[in-house]
């Protein structure tokens, strides 16, 4: 399961609720490749690194952190800037995905992995709770919706949307003092795949060679 992020409970956290403005991922090669594959999956292939880095930067600022800037804004102008950023970012993602399978090309990269948790929770949690649901993935961003379903098929049941929604609505007292948790939307409402295991598709990935080198 992907743990949902623990939001900052401070009702006035400043412009960036995430304390790390540029989180650095662990990019070590996979030491134990899937035995069904010739070599390990490479999410940061050499030929895509500059694009992955650039994509990570704007996706983080506009979308990953943007939803939190919406939710924790204490001034109208700050909220409106953040809300515009979120939908500018989602629009940019949707346009990219209209011509390619994944964010940085035809194989899944680190950029896709970093967008997935926010994308998967957007309609079910952030749109309503963080007040950024002017447009939603399932109805307004068709290429992003296609990508999201494919990512959830490839990764399998990594997280529990209902548990994430319960956590946000019960733990963030300043944003929801009554503690009432909405009934949905559920994964079924959102049309998420319900396969009990990840669906292996070798064509979706780049791979390290047998020496663990890209």
N, C-alpha and C. Protein backbone atom coordinates (compact mmCIF):
# COMPACT_ATOMS: atom_id res chain seq x y z
N UNK A 1 0.82 -1.19 0.00
CA UNK A 1 0.00 0.00 0.00
C UNK A 1 0.86 1.25 0.00
N UNK A 2 0.47 2.26 -0.79
CA UNK A 2 1.13 3.55 -0.73
C UNK A 2 0.51 4.33 0.41
N UNK A 3 1.27 4.68 1.45
CA UNK A 3 0.65 5.46 2.54
C UNK A 3 0.29 6.85 2.05
N UNK A 4 -0.90 7.31 2.43
CA UNK A 4 -1.25 8.66 2.02
C UNK A 4 -0.44 9.65 2.85
N UNK A 5 -0.11 10.81 2.28
CA UNK A 5 0.73 11.76 2.99
C UNK A 5 0.03 12.28 4.23
N UNK A 6 0.79 12.57 5.27
CA UNK A 6 0.23 13.17 6.47
C UNK A 6 0.25 14.67 6.33
N UNK A 7 -0.90 15.30 6.14
CA UNK A 7 -0.91 16.75 5.94
C UNK A 7 -0.46 17.48 7.20
N UNK A 8 0.07 18.67 6.99
CA UNK A 8 0.50 19.50 8.10
C UNK A 8 -0.73 20.01 8.85
N UNK A 9 -0.88 19.72 10.16
CA UNK A 9 -2.08 20.13 10.87
C UNK A 9 -2.11 21.61 11.22
N UNK A 10 -1.02 22.31 11.02
CA UNK A 10 -0.97 23.74 11.33
C UNK A 10 -1.92 24.50 10.41
N UNK A 11 -2.91 25.23 10.95
CA UNK A 11 -3.86 25.92 10.09
C UNK A 11 -3.25 27.07 9.31
N UNK A 12 -2.02 27.46 9.63
CA UNK A 12 -1.36 28.54 8.89
C UNK A 12 0.06 28.13 8.56
N UNK A 13 0.21 27.13 7.67
CA UNK A 13 1.52 26.55 7.45
C UNK A 13 2.42 27.33 6.52
N UNK A 14 1.93 28.46 5.95
CA UNK A 14 2.77 29.19 5.01
C UNK A 14 2.53 28.71 3.60
N UNK A 15 3.31 29.18 2.65
CA UNK A 15 3.02 28.93 1.25
C UNK A 15 3.23 27.49 0.81
N UNK A 16 4.05 26.72 1.52
CA UNK A 16 4.32 25.36 1.09
C UNK A 16 4.19 24.40 2.26
N UNK A 17 3.03 23.68 2.40
CA UNK A 17 2.85 22.77 3.52
C UNK A 17 3.88 21.66 3.56
N UNK A 18 4.45 21.26 2.41
CA UNK A 18 5.45 20.23 2.41
C UNK A 18 6.80 20.83 2.80
N UNK A 19 7.45 20.33 3.87
CA UNK A 19 8.69 20.97 4.33
C UNK A 19 9.85 20.84 3.37
N UNK A 20 9.78 19.90 2.44
CA UNK A 20 10.87 19.73 1.49
C UNK A 20 10.39 20.21 0.12
N UNK A 21 10.86 21.38 -0.35
CA UNK A 21 10.36 21.90 -1.62
C UNK A 21 10.85 21.14 -2.83
N UNK A 22 11.82 20.27 -2.67
CA UNK A 22 12.35 19.53 -3.81
C UNK A 22 12.80 18.16 -3.35
N UNK A 23 11.84 17.29 -3.00
CA UNK A 23 12.22 15.98 -2.44
C UNK A 23 13.03 15.17 -3.43
N UNK A 24 14.06 14.49 -2.94
CA UNK A 24 14.94 13.70 -3.79
C UNK A 24 14.60 12.21 -3.67
N UNK A 25 14.23 11.57 -4.77
CA UNK A 25 13.90 10.15 -4.71
C UNK A 25 15.14 9.27 -4.64
N UNK A 26 14.96 8.05 -4.19
CA UNK A 26 16.03 7.06 -4.19
C UNK A 26 16.04 6.40 -5.55
N UNK A 27 17.15 6.54 -6.28
CA UNK A 27 17.20 6.02 -7.65
C UNK A 27 18.12 4.83 -7.79
N UNK A 28 18.30 4.06 -6.74
CA UNK A 28 19.15 2.88 -6.84
C UNK A 28 18.53 1.86 -7.78
N UNK A 29 19.35 1.21 -8.62
CA UNK A 29 18.81 0.16 -9.48
C UNK A 29 18.15 -0.93 -8.65
N UNK A 30 17.17 -1.57 -9.23
CA UNK A 30 16.46 -2.66 -8.57
C UNK A 30 17.39 -3.85 -8.42
N UNK A 31 17.80 -4.24 -7.19
CA UNK A 31 18.75 -5.34 -7.03
C UNK A 31 18.10 -6.70 -7.19
N UNK A 32 16.78 -6.77 -7.14
CA UNK A 32 16.09 -8.06 -7.25
C UNK A 32 15.02 -7.97 -8.33
N UNK A 33 15.44 -8.05 -9.58
CA UNK A 33 14.48 -7.90 -10.66
C UNK A 33 13.40 -8.97 -10.61
N UNK A 34 12.26 -8.66 -11.17
CA UNK A 34 11.18 -9.63 -11.29
C UNK A 34 11.70 -10.85 -12.02
N UNK A 35 11.56 -12.05 -11.46
CA UNK A 35 12.09 -13.24 -12.12
C UNK A 35 11.44 -13.51 -13.47
N UNK A 36 10.27 -12.91 -13.71
CA UNK A 36 9.62 -13.10 -15.00
C UNK A 36 10.19 -12.20 -16.08
N UNK A 37 11.06 -11.25 -15.70
CA UNK A 37 11.65 -10.33 -16.65
C UNK A 37 13.15 -10.58 -16.75
N UNK A 38 13.74 -10.18 -17.87
CA UNK A 38 15.17 -10.41 -18.07
C UNK A 38 15.99 -9.56 -17.13
N UNK A 39 15.55 -8.36 -16.83
CA UNK A 39 16.31 -7.46 -15.97
C UNK A 39 15.37 -6.53 -15.23
N UNK A 40 15.93 -5.73 -14.30
CA UNK A 40 15.11 -4.88 -13.45
C UNK A 40 14.56 -3.67 -14.16
N UNK A 41 13.46 -3.17 -13.65
CA UNK A 41 12.80 -1.99 -14.22
C UNK A 41 13.63 -0.74 -13.93
N UNK A 42 13.80 0.09 -14.93
CA UNK A 42 14.54 1.35 -14.82
C UNK A 42 13.55 2.50 -14.97
N UNK A 43 13.28 3.21 -13.87
CA UNK A 43 12.34 4.33 -13.90
C UNK A 43 13.02 5.66 -14.21
N UNK A 44 14.34 5.63 -14.37
CA UNK A 44 15.08 6.87 -14.63
C UNK A 44 16.13 6.60 -15.71
N UNK A 45 15.67 6.19 -16.91
CA UNK A 45 16.61 5.83 -17.97
C UNK A 45 17.41 7.03 -18.46
N UNK A 46 18.63 6.77 -18.87
CA UNK A 46 19.55 7.85 -19.23
C UNK A 46 18.97 8.79 -20.28
N UNK A 47 18.29 8.25 -21.29
CA UNK A 47 17.81 9.09 -22.39
C UNK A 47 16.62 9.96 -21.99
N UNK A 48 16.03 9.71 -20.82
CA UNK A 48 14.87 10.49 -20.39
C UNK A 48 15.15 11.38 -19.17
N UNK A 49 16.37 11.34 -18.66
CA UNK A 49 16.61 11.97 -17.35
C UNK A 49 16.32 13.46 -17.33
N UNK A 50 16.71 14.19 -18.34
CA UNK A 50 16.46 15.63 -18.31
C UNK A 50 14.97 15.92 -18.35
N UNK A 51 14.22 15.16 -19.14
CA UNK A 51 12.77 15.37 -19.21
C UNK A 51 12.09 14.94 -17.91
N UNK A 52 12.55 13.83 -17.34
CA UNK A 52 11.98 13.38 -16.06
C UNK A 52 12.21 14.43 -14.98
N UNK A 53 13.41 14.96 -14.90
CA UNK A 53 13.72 15.97 -13.88
C UNK A 53 12.85 17.22 -14.06
N UNK A 54 12.73 17.67 -15.30
CA UNK A 54 11.93 18.87 -15.56
C UNK A 54 10.46 18.61 -15.24
N UNK A 55 9.96 17.45 -15.61
CA UNK A 55 8.56 17.10 -15.35
C UNK A 55 8.30 16.99 -13.86
N UNK A 56 9.21 16.34 -13.15
CA UNK A 56 9.06 16.23 -11.70
C UNK A 56 8.92 17.61 -11.05
N UNK A 57 9.69 18.58 -11.54
CA UNK A 57 9.70 19.91 -10.92
C UNK A 57 8.34 20.59 -11.04
N UNK A 58 7.79 20.63 -12.27
CA UNK A 58 6.52 21.36 -12.40
C UNK A 58 5.33 20.55 -11.90
N UNK A 59 5.38 19.23 -12.00
CA UNK A 59 4.29 18.42 -11.44
C UNK A 59 4.24 18.57 -9.93
N UNK A 60 5.41 18.59 -9.30
CA UNK A 60 5.42 18.78 -7.85
C UNK A 60 4.84 20.14 -7.46
N UNK A 61 5.33 21.19 -8.09
CA UNK A 61 4.92 22.54 -7.69
C UNK A 61 3.44 22.80 -8.00
N UNK A 62 3.00 22.40 -9.19
CA UNK A 62 1.63 22.74 -9.58
C UNK A 62 0.60 21.75 -9.06
N UNK A 63 0.92 20.46 -8.98
CA UNK A 63 -0.09 19.45 -8.66
C UNK A 63 0.14 18.83 -7.28
N UNK A 64 1.26 18.14 -7.08
CA UNK A 64 1.48 17.47 -5.80
C UNK A 64 1.37 18.43 -4.62
N UNK A 65 2.11 19.53 -4.72
CA UNK A 65 2.07 20.53 -3.65
C UNK A 65 0.93 21.51 -3.85
N UNK A 66 0.48 21.66 -5.10
CA UNK A 66 -0.59 22.60 -5.38
C UNK A 66 -1.88 22.28 -4.65
N UNK A 67 -2.23 20.99 -4.55
CA UNK A 67 -3.48 20.65 -3.84
C UNK A 67 -3.37 21.02 -2.37
N UNK A 68 -2.18 20.88 -1.78
CA UNK A 68 -2.00 21.26 -0.38
C UNK A 68 -2.02 22.78 -0.21
N UNK A 69 -1.47 23.49 -1.18
CA UNK A 69 -1.55 24.95 -1.11
C UNK A 69 -3.00 25.43 -1.19
N UNK A 70 -3.82 24.72 -1.97
CA UNK A 70 -5.25 25.04 -1.99
C UNK A 70 -5.88 24.78 -0.63
N UNK A 71 -5.66 23.59 -0.10
CA UNK A 71 -6.32 23.19 1.12
C UNK A 71 -5.94 23.98 2.35
N UNK A 72 -4.69 24.44 2.40
CA UNK A 72 -4.20 25.12 3.59
C UNK A 72 -4.08 26.63 3.41
N UNK A 73 -4.56 27.14 2.30
CA UNK A 73 -4.50 28.59 2.08
C UNK A 73 -5.33 29.31 3.14
N UNK A 74 -4.80 30.42 3.64
CA UNK A 74 -5.53 31.22 4.63
C UNK A 74 -5.92 32.59 4.07
N UNK A 75 -5.57 32.83 2.82
CA UNK A 75 -5.94 34.07 2.14
C UNK A 75 -6.58 33.72 0.80
N UNK A 76 -7.60 34.47 0.42
CA UNK A 76 -8.30 34.19 -0.83
C UNK A 76 -7.38 34.22 -2.03
N UNK A 77 -6.50 35.21 -2.09
CA UNK A 77 -5.61 35.33 -3.24
C UNK A 77 -4.67 34.14 -3.34
N UNK A 78 -4.16 33.68 -2.19
CA UNK A 78 -3.26 32.51 -2.19
C UNK A 78 -4.00 31.27 -2.66
N UNK A 79 -5.23 31.11 -2.20
CA UNK A 79 -6.03 29.96 -2.64
C UNK A 79 -6.26 30.01 -4.15
N UNK A 80 -6.63 31.17 -4.66
CA UNK A 80 -6.92 31.27 -6.09
C UNK A 80 -5.69 31.00 -6.95
N UNK A 81 -4.52 31.46 -6.50
CA UNK A 81 -3.28 31.16 -7.23
C UNK A 81 -3.02 29.66 -7.25
N UNK A 82 -3.18 29.03 -6.10
CA UNK A 82 -2.93 27.59 -6.00
C UNK A 82 -3.91 26.81 -6.84
N UNK A 83 -5.18 27.20 -6.81
CA UNK A 83 -6.21 26.48 -7.57
C UNK A 83 -5.94 26.60 -9.07
N UNK A 84 -5.51 27.78 -9.51
CA UNK A 84 -5.15 27.94 -10.93
C UNK A 84 -3.96 27.06 -11.28
N UNK A 85 -2.97 27.00 -10.39
CA UNK A 85 -1.80 26.15 -10.63
C UNK A 85 -2.20 24.69 -10.80
N UNK A 86 -3.06 24.21 -9.91
CA UNK A 86 -3.47 22.80 -9.96
C UNK A 86 -4.07 22.48 -11.32
N UNK A 87 -4.99 23.30 -11.80
CA UNK A 87 -5.65 22.97 -13.05
C UNK A 87 -4.80 23.29 -14.27
N UNK A 88 -3.88 24.23 -14.15
CA UNK A 88 -2.91 24.43 -15.22
C UNK A 88 -2.03 23.20 -15.35
N UNK A 89 -1.62 22.65 -14.20
CA UNK A 89 -0.80 21.44 -14.21
C UNK A 89 -1.55 20.25 -14.75
N UNK A 90 -2.79 20.04 -14.32
CA UNK A 90 -3.58 18.91 -14.81
C UNK A 90 -3.86 19.05 -16.31
N UNK A 91 -4.10 20.27 -16.77
CA UNK A 91 -4.30 20.49 -18.20
C UNK A 91 -3.04 20.15 -18.99
N UNK A 92 -1.89 20.57 -18.46
CA UNK A 92 -0.63 20.26 -19.14
C UNK A 92 -0.38 18.76 -19.19
N UNK A 93 -0.66 18.06 -18.11
CA UNK A 93 -0.52 16.60 -18.09
C UNK A 93 -1.45 15.98 -19.12
N UNK A 94 -2.71 16.42 -19.14
CA UNK A 94 -3.68 15.85 -20.07
C UNK A 94 -3.24 16.04 -21.52
N UNK A 95 -2.69 17.22 -21.81
CA UNK A 95 -2.22 17.47 -23.18
C UNK A 95 -1.04 16.57 -23.53
N UNK A 96 -0.11 16.40 -22.60
CA UNK A 96 1.02 15.49 -22.85
C UNK A 96 0.53 14.08 -23.14
N UNK A 97 -0.42 13.62 -22.33
CA UNK A 97 -0.89 12.24 -22.43
C UNK A 97 -1.81 12.02 -23.63
N UNK A 98 -2.15 13.08 -24.33
CA UNK A 98 -2.94 12.92 -25.55
C UNK A 98 -2.09 12.39 -26.70
N UNK A 99 -0.76 12.48 -26.57
CA UNK A 99 0.12 12.05 -27.66
C UNK A 99 1.13 10.99 -27.24
N UNK A 100 1.09 10.56 -25.98
CA UNK A 100 2.03 9.56 -25.50
C UNK A 100 1.38 8.72 -24.41
N UNK A 101 1.95 7.56 -24.18
CA UNK A 101 1.36 6.64 -23.21
C UNK A 101 1.60 7.09 -21.78
N UNK A 102 2.81 7.58 -21.50
CA UNK A 102 3.17 8.01 -20.15
C UNK A 102 3.70 9.44 -20.20
N UNK A 103 4.00 10.00 -19.03
CA UNK A 103 4.35 11.42 -18.97
C UNK A 103 5.58 11.78 -19.80
N UNK A 104 6.57 10.91 -19.82
CA UNK A 104 7.82 11.24 -20.51
C UNK A 104 8.08 10.36 -21.72
N UNK A 105 7.08 9.69 -22.22
CA UNK A 105 7.28 8.86 -23.40
C UNK A 105 6.41 7.63 -23.39
N UNK A 106 6.91 6.58 -24.01
CA UNK A 106 6.13 5.36 -24.16
C UNK A 106 6.38 4.33 -23.07
N UNK A 107 7.29 4.64 -22.14
CA UNK A 107 7.50 3.75 -21.00
C UNK A 107 7.37 4.53 -19.70
N UNK A 108 6.98 3.83 -18.67
CA UNK A 108 6.71 4.42 -17.37
C UNK A 108 8.01 4.91 -16.73
N UNK A 109 7.99 6.10 -16.14
CA UNK A 109 9.18 6.65 -15.51
C UNK A 109 8.87 7.11 -14.10
N UNK A 110 9.90 7.60 -13.43
CA UNK A 110 9.75 8.15 -12.09
C UNK A 110 8.69 9.25 -12.04
N UNK A 111 8.56 10.03 -13.13
CA UNK A 111 7.58 11.11 -13.16
C UNK A 111 6.16 10.57 -13.00
N UNK A 112 5.88 9.43 -13.62
CA UNK A 112 4.56 8.82 -13.48
C UNK A 112 4.31 8.35 -12.05
N UNK A 113 5.34 7.76 -11.46
CA UNK A 113 5.22 7.25 -10.10
C UNK A 113 4.93 8.39 -9.13
N UNK A 114 5.57 9.53 -9.35
CA UNK A 114 5.40 10.65 -8.42
C UNK A 114 4.05 11.35 -8.59
N UNK A 115 3.47 11.28 -9.76
CA UNK A 115 2.14 11.86 -9.96
C UNK A 115 1.03 10.94 -9.46
N UNK A 116 1.28 9.63 -9.47
CA UNK A 116 0.21 8.66 -9.20
C UNK A 116 -0.54 8.87 -7.89
N UNK A 117 0.11 9.03 -6.73
CA UNK A 117 -0.67 9.17 -5.49
C UNK A 117 -1.62 10.36 -5.52
N UNK A 118 -1.16 11.50 -6.03
CA UNK A 118 -2.03 12.67 -6.10
C UNK A 118 -3.14 12.45 -7.12
N UNK A 119 -2.81 11.88 -8.26
CA UNK A 119 -3.84 11.62 -9.27
C UNK A 119 -4.90 10.66 -8.77
N UNK A 120 -4.48 9.63 -8.09
CA UNK A 120 -5.42 8.62 -7.62
C UNK A 120 -6.34 9.15 -6.53
N UNK A 121 -5.88 10.13 -5.77
CA UNK A 121 -6.69 10.69 -4.68
C UNK A 121 -7.42 11.98 -5.07
N UNK A 122 -7.18 12.47 -6.28
CA UNK A 122 -7.69 13.81 -6.59
C UNK A 122 -9.21 13.88 -6.53
N UNK A 123 -9.90 13.07 -7.32
CA UNK A 123 -11.36 13.16 -7.34
C UNK A 123 -11.98 12.70 -6.02
N UNK A 124 -11.37 11.71 -5.38
CA UNK A 124 -11.95 11.13 -4.18
C UNK A 124 -11.66 11.88 -2.90
N UNK A 125 -10.60 12.69 -2.87
CA UNK A 125 -10.23 13.42 -1.64
C UNK A 125 -10.02 14.91 -1.89
N UNK A 126 -9.06 15.23 -2.71
CA UNK A 126 -8.60 16.61 -2.81
C UNK A 126 -9.64 17.54 -3.46
N UNK A 127 -10.37 17.05 -4.46
CA UNK A 127 -11.29 17.92 -5.19
C UNK A 127 -12.26 18.62 -4.25
N UNK A 128 -12.86 17.85 -3.35
CA UNK A 128 -13.82 18.45 -2.42
C UNK A 128 -13.15 19.00 -1.18
N UNK A 129 -12.28 18.21 -0.56
CA UNK A 129 -11.75 18.59 0.75
C UNK A 129 -10.81 19.78 0.68
N UNK A 130 -10.00 19.84 -0.37
CA UNK A 130 -9.06 20.94 -0.53
C UNK A 130 -9.58 22.02 -1.50
N UNK A 131 -10.84 21.91 -1.90
CA UNK A 131 -11.51 22.95 -2.67
C UNK A 131 -10.84 23.21 -4.03
N UNK A 132 -10.43 22.13 -4.68
CA UNK A 132 -9.81 22.30 -6.00
C UNK A 132 -10.52 21.46 -7.05
N UNK A 133 -11.83 21.23 -6.86
CA UNK A 133 -12.59 20.36 -7.74
C UNK A 133 -13.40 21.07 -8.80
N UNK A 134 -12.97 22.27 -9.20
CA UNK A 134 -13.68 22.97 -10.28
C UNK A 134 -13.77 22.09 -11.52
N UNK A 135 -12.72 21.35 -11.79
CA UNK A 135 -12.74 20.29 -12.81
C UNK A 135 -12.17 19.04 -12.16
N UNK A 136 -12.61 17.88 -12.64
CA UNK A 136 -12.17 16.63 -12.05
C UNK A 136 -11.60 15.71 -13.11
N UNK A 137 -10.75 14.79 -12.69
CA UNK A 137 -10.05 13.95 -13.65
C UNK A 137 -11.03 13.10 -14.44
N UNK A 138 -11.98 12.47 -13.77
CA UNK A 138 -12.86 11.52 -14.44
C UNK A 138 -13.76 12.16 -15.49
N UNK A 139 -14.05 13.45 -15.35
CA UNK A 139 -14.99 14.08 -16.27
C UNK A 139 -14.36 15.12 -17.19
N UNK A 140 -13.19 15.65 -16.82
CA UNK A 140 -12.65 16.80 -17.55
C UNK A 140 -11.26 16.59 -18.13
N UNK A 141 -10.58 15.52 -17.76
CA UNK A 141 -9.22 15.27 -18.24
C UNK A 141 -9.15 13.84 -18.77
N UNK A 142 -9.68 13.59 -19.97
CA UNK A 142 -9.83 12.21 -20.45
C UNK A 142 -8.53 11.44 -20.62
N UNK A 143 -7.48 12.12 -21.07
CA UNK A 143 -6.21 11.41 -21.28
C UNK A 143 -5.55 11.09 -19.94
N UNK A 144 -5.67 11.99 -18.99
CA UNK A 144 -5.18 11.73 -17.64
C UNK A 144 -5.98 10.60 -17.00
N UNK A 145 -7.29 10.56 -17.23
CA UNK A 145 -8.12 9.48 -16.69
C UNK A 145 -7.69 8.13 -17.26
N UNK A 146 -7.39 8.09 -18.56
CA UNK A 146 -6.91 6.85 -19.18
C UNK A 146 -5.59 6.41 -18.56
N UNK A 147 -4.66 7.37 -18.41
CA UNK A 147 -3.36 7.08 -17.79
C UNK A 147 -3.53 6.56 -16.38
N UNK A 148 -4.42 7.18 -15.61
CA UNK A 148 -4.61 6.79 -14.22
C UNK A 148 -5.10 5.36 -14.12
N UNK A 149 -6.05 4.98 -14.96
CA UNK A 149 -6.54 3.59 -14.92
C UNK A 149 -5.44 2.62 -15.30
N UNK A 150 -4.63 2.98 -16.28
CA UNK A 150 -3.54 2.08 -16.68
C UNK A 150 -2.50 1.97 -15.57
N UNK A 151 -2.16 3.08 -14.94
CA UNK A 151 -1.20 3.03 -13.84
C UNK A 151 -1.71 2.16 -12.70
N UNK A 152 -2.99 2.26 -12.38
CA UNK A 152 -3.55 1.45 -11.30
C UNK A 152 -3.59 -0.03 -11.68
N UNK A 153 -3.75 -0.33 -12.96
CA UNK A 153 -3.67 -1.73 -13.40
C UNK A 153 -2.25 -2.26 -13.28
N UNK A 154 -1.27 -1.42 -13.64
CA UNK A 154 0.13 -1.86 -13.61
C UNK A 154 0.67 -2.00 -12.19
N UNK A 155 0.18 -1.17 -11.27
CA UNK A 155 0.70 -1.20 -9.91
C UNK A 155 -0.10 -2.09 -8.98
N UNK A 156 -1.35 -2.36 -9.33
CA UNK A 156 -2.18 -3.20 -8.46
C UNK A 156 -2.73 -2.41 -7.28
N UNK A 157 -3.33 -3.10 -6.32
CA UNK A 157 -4.00 -2.43 -5.18
C UNK A 157 -3.00 -1.92 -4.14
N UNK A 158 -2.34 -0.81 -4.46
CA UNK A 158 -1.29 -0.28 -3.59
C UNK A 158 -1.81 0.61 -2.47
N UNK A 159 -3.01 1.14 -2.59
CA UNK A 159 -3.50 2.03 -1.57
C UNK A 159 -5.01 1.90 -1.43
N UNK A 160 -5.51 2.41 -0.34
CA UNK A 160 -6.93 2.32 0.00
C UNK A 160 -7.52 3.73 -0.03
N UNK A 161 -8.27 4.06 -1.08
CA UNK A 161 -8.84 5.40 -1.22
C UNK A 161 -9.80 5.72 -0.09
N UNK A 162 -10.60 4.75 0.32
CA UNK A 162 -11.56 5.00 1.39
C UNK A 162 -10.85 5.32 2.70
N UNK A 163 -9.75 4.62 2.96
CA UNK A 163 -8.97 4.90 4.18
C UNK A 163 -8.34 6.29 4.10
N UNK A 164 -7.85 6.66 2.92
CA UNK A 164 -7.26 8.00 2.76
C UNK A 164 -8.31 9.07 3.03
N UNK A 165 -9.50 8.89 2.48
CA UNK A 165 -10.55 9.89 2.69
C UNK A 165 -10.92 9.99 4.17
N UNK A 166 -11.04 8.84 4.84
CA UNK A 166 -11.34 8.85 6.28
C UNK A 166 -10.28 9.60 7.04
N UNK A 167 -9.02 9.37 6.70
CA UNK A 167 -7.92 10.00 7.42
C UNK A 167 -7.94 11.52 7.24
N UNK A 168 -8.11 11.99 6.01
CA UNK A 168 -8.15 13.44 5.79
C UNK A 168 -9.30 14.09 6.55
N UNK A 169 -10.49 13.52 6.45
CA UNK A 169 -11.66 14.16 7.02
C UNK A 169 -11.74 14.05 8.54
N UNK A 170 -11.06 13.08 9.14
CA UNK A 170 -11.12 12.95 10.60
C UNK A 170 -9.92 13.55 11.30
N UNK A 171 -8.77 13.65 10.63
CA UNK A 171 -7.56 14.12 11.29
C UNK A 171 -7.31 15.62 11.15
N UNK A 172 -7.90 16.24 10.16
CA UNK A 172 -7.63 17.66 9.92
C UNK A 172 -8.76 18.50 10.50
N UNK A 173 -8.76 18.64 11.81
CA UNK A 173 -9.85 19.34 12.51
C UNK A 173 -10.08 20.75 11.99
N UNK A 174 -9.02 21.55 11.73
CA UNK A 174 -9.29 22.92 11.27
C UNK A 174 -10.08 22.98 9.97
N UNK A 175 -9.91 21.96 9.11
CA UNK A 175 -10.61 21.97 7.82
C UNK A 175 -11.96 21.27 7.89
N UNK A 176 -12.18 20.44 8.91
CA UNK A 176 -13.42 19.68 9.01
C UNK A 176 -13.77 19.45 10.48
N UNK A 177 -14.13 20.51 11.19
CA UNK A 177 -14.32 20.40 12.64
C UNK A 177 -15.39 19.39 13.05
N UNK A 178 -16.36 19.11 12.18
CA UNK A 178 -17.38 18.14 12.53
C UNK A 178 -16.93 16.70 12.42
N UNK A 179 -15.83 16.46 11.69
CA UNK A 179 -15.32 15.10 11.53
C UNK A 179 -16.19 14.20 10.68
N UNK A 180 -17.12 14.76 9.91
CA UNK A 180 -18.00 13.95 9.08
C UNK A 180 -17.24 13.53 7.82
N UNK A 181 -17.31 12.24 7.51
CA UNK A 181 -16.62 11.68 6.35
C UNK A 181 -17.64 11.42 5.25
N UNK A 182 -17.45 11.98 4.06
CA UNK A 182 -18.41 11.74 2.97
C UNK A 182 -18.42 10.27 2.54
N UNK A 183 -19.54 9.86 1.99
CA UNK A 183 -19.71 8.45 1.60
C UNK A 183 -18.90 8.08 0.37
N UNK A 184 -18.47 9.05 -0.41
CA UNK A 184 -17.73 8.74 -1.63
C UNK A 184 -17.11 10.00 -2.18
N UNK A 185 -16.64 9.92 -3.41
CA UNK A 185 -16.77 8.79 -4.31
C UNK A 185 -15.82 7.64 -3.96
N UNK A 186 -16.30 6.44 -4.19
CA UNK A 186 -15.51 5.24 -3.93
C UNK A 186 -14.70 4.89 -5.17
N UNK A 187 -13.74 3.97 -5.06
CA UNK A 187 -13.02 3.53 -6.26
C UNK A 187 -13.95 3.04 -7.36
N UNK A 188 -15.03 2.35 -6.97
CA UNK A 188 -15.99 1.88 -7.98
C UNK A 188 -16.70 3.05 -8.65
N UNK A 189 -17.04 4.07 -7.86
CA UNK A 189 -17.67 5.27 -8.43
C UNK A 189 -16.77 5.93 -9.46
N UNK A 190 -15.47 5.88 -9.21
CA UNK A 190 -14.50 6.53 -10.08
C UNK A 190 -14.07 5.66 -11.26
N UNK A 191 -14.56 4.42 -11.29
CA UNK A 191 -14.21 3.52 -12.38
C UNK A 191 -12.81 2.95 -12.29
N UNK A 192 -12.24 2.91 -11.08
CA UNK A 192 -10.90 2.36 -10.92
C UNK A 192 -10.92 0.85 -11.15
N UNK A 193 -9.85 0.30 -11.72
CA UNK A 193 -9.77 -1.15 -11.88
C UNK A 193 -9.75 -1.85 -10.52
N UNK A 194 -10.33 -3.04 -10.47
CA UNK A 194 -10.41 -3.74 -9.18
C UNK A 194 -9.67 -5.07 -9.19
N UNK A 195 -8.70 -5.21 -10.10
CA UNK A 195 -7.92 -6.44 -10.16
C UNK A 195 -7.16 -6.64 -8.85
N UNK A 196 -7.15 -7.86 -8.29
CA UNK A 196 -6.49 -8.09 -7.00
C UNK A 196 -4.98 -8.08 -7.06
N UNK A 197 -4.40 -8.15 -8.25
CA UNK A 197 -2.94 -8.14 -8.40
C UNK A 197 -2.58 -7.22 -9.56
N UNK A 198 -1.31 -6.80 -9.59
CA UNK A 198 -0.83 -5.96 -10.69
C UNK A 198 -0.89 -6.74 -12.00
N UNK A 199 -1.20 -6.02 -13.06
CA UNK A 199 -1.25 -6.63 -14.39
C UNK A 199 0.09 -6.40 -15.09
N UNK A 200 0.86 -7.46 -15.30
CA UNK A 200 2.20 -7.33 -15.87
C UNK A 200 2.11 -7.03 -17.37
N UNK A 201 2.77 -5.96 -17.78
CA UNK A 201 2.85 -5.58 -19.18
C UNK A 201 4.29 -5.12 -19.42
N UNK A 202 5.11 -6.01 -19.94
CA UNK A 202 6.53 -5.71 -20.10
C UNK A 202 6.78 -4.51 -21.00
N UNK A 203 5.86 -4.24 -21.93
CA UNK A 203 6.08 -3.13 -22.86
C UNK A 203 5.97 -1.77 -22.19
N UNK A 204 5.47 -1.72 -20.96
CA UNK A 204 5.28 -0.45 -20.28
C UNK A 204 6.55 0.07 -19.62
N UNK A 205 7.63 -0.72 -19.61
CA UNK A 205 8.80 -0.37 -18.82
C UNK A 205 10.09 -0.37 -19.63
N UNK A 206 11.07 0.42 -19.15
CA UNK A 206 12.46 0.30 -19.57
C UNK A 206 13.15 -0.58 -18.54
N UNK A 207 14.28 -1.19 -18.94
CA UNK A 207 14.91 -2.15 -18.04
C UNK A 207 16.43 -1.92 -17.95
N UNK A 208 16.97 -2.26 -16.76
CA UNK A 208 18.41 -2.36 -16.60
C UNK A 208 18.86 -3.66 -17.27
N UNK A 209 20.14 -3.69 -17.71
CA UNK A 209 20.63 -4.95 -18.27
C UNK A 209 21.01 -5.88 -17.11
N UNK A 210 21.53 -7.04 -17.41
CA UNK A 210 21.80 -8.06 -16.39
C UNK A 210 22.86 -7.63 -15.40
N UNK A 211 23.65 -6.59 -15.72
CA UNK A 211 24.68 -6.10 -14.80
C UNK A 211 24.11 -5.04 -13.88
N UNK A 212 22.82 -4.71 -14.02
CA UNK A 212 22.21 -3.66 -13.22
C UNK A 212 22.51 -2.27 -13.73
N UNK A 213 22.95 -2.20 -15.00
CA UNK A 213 23.26 -0.90 -15.59
C UNK A 213 22.19 -0.55 -16.62
N UNK A 214 21.86 0.76 -16.77
CA UNK A 214 20.85 1.14 -17.75
C UNK A 214 21.35 0.93 -19.17
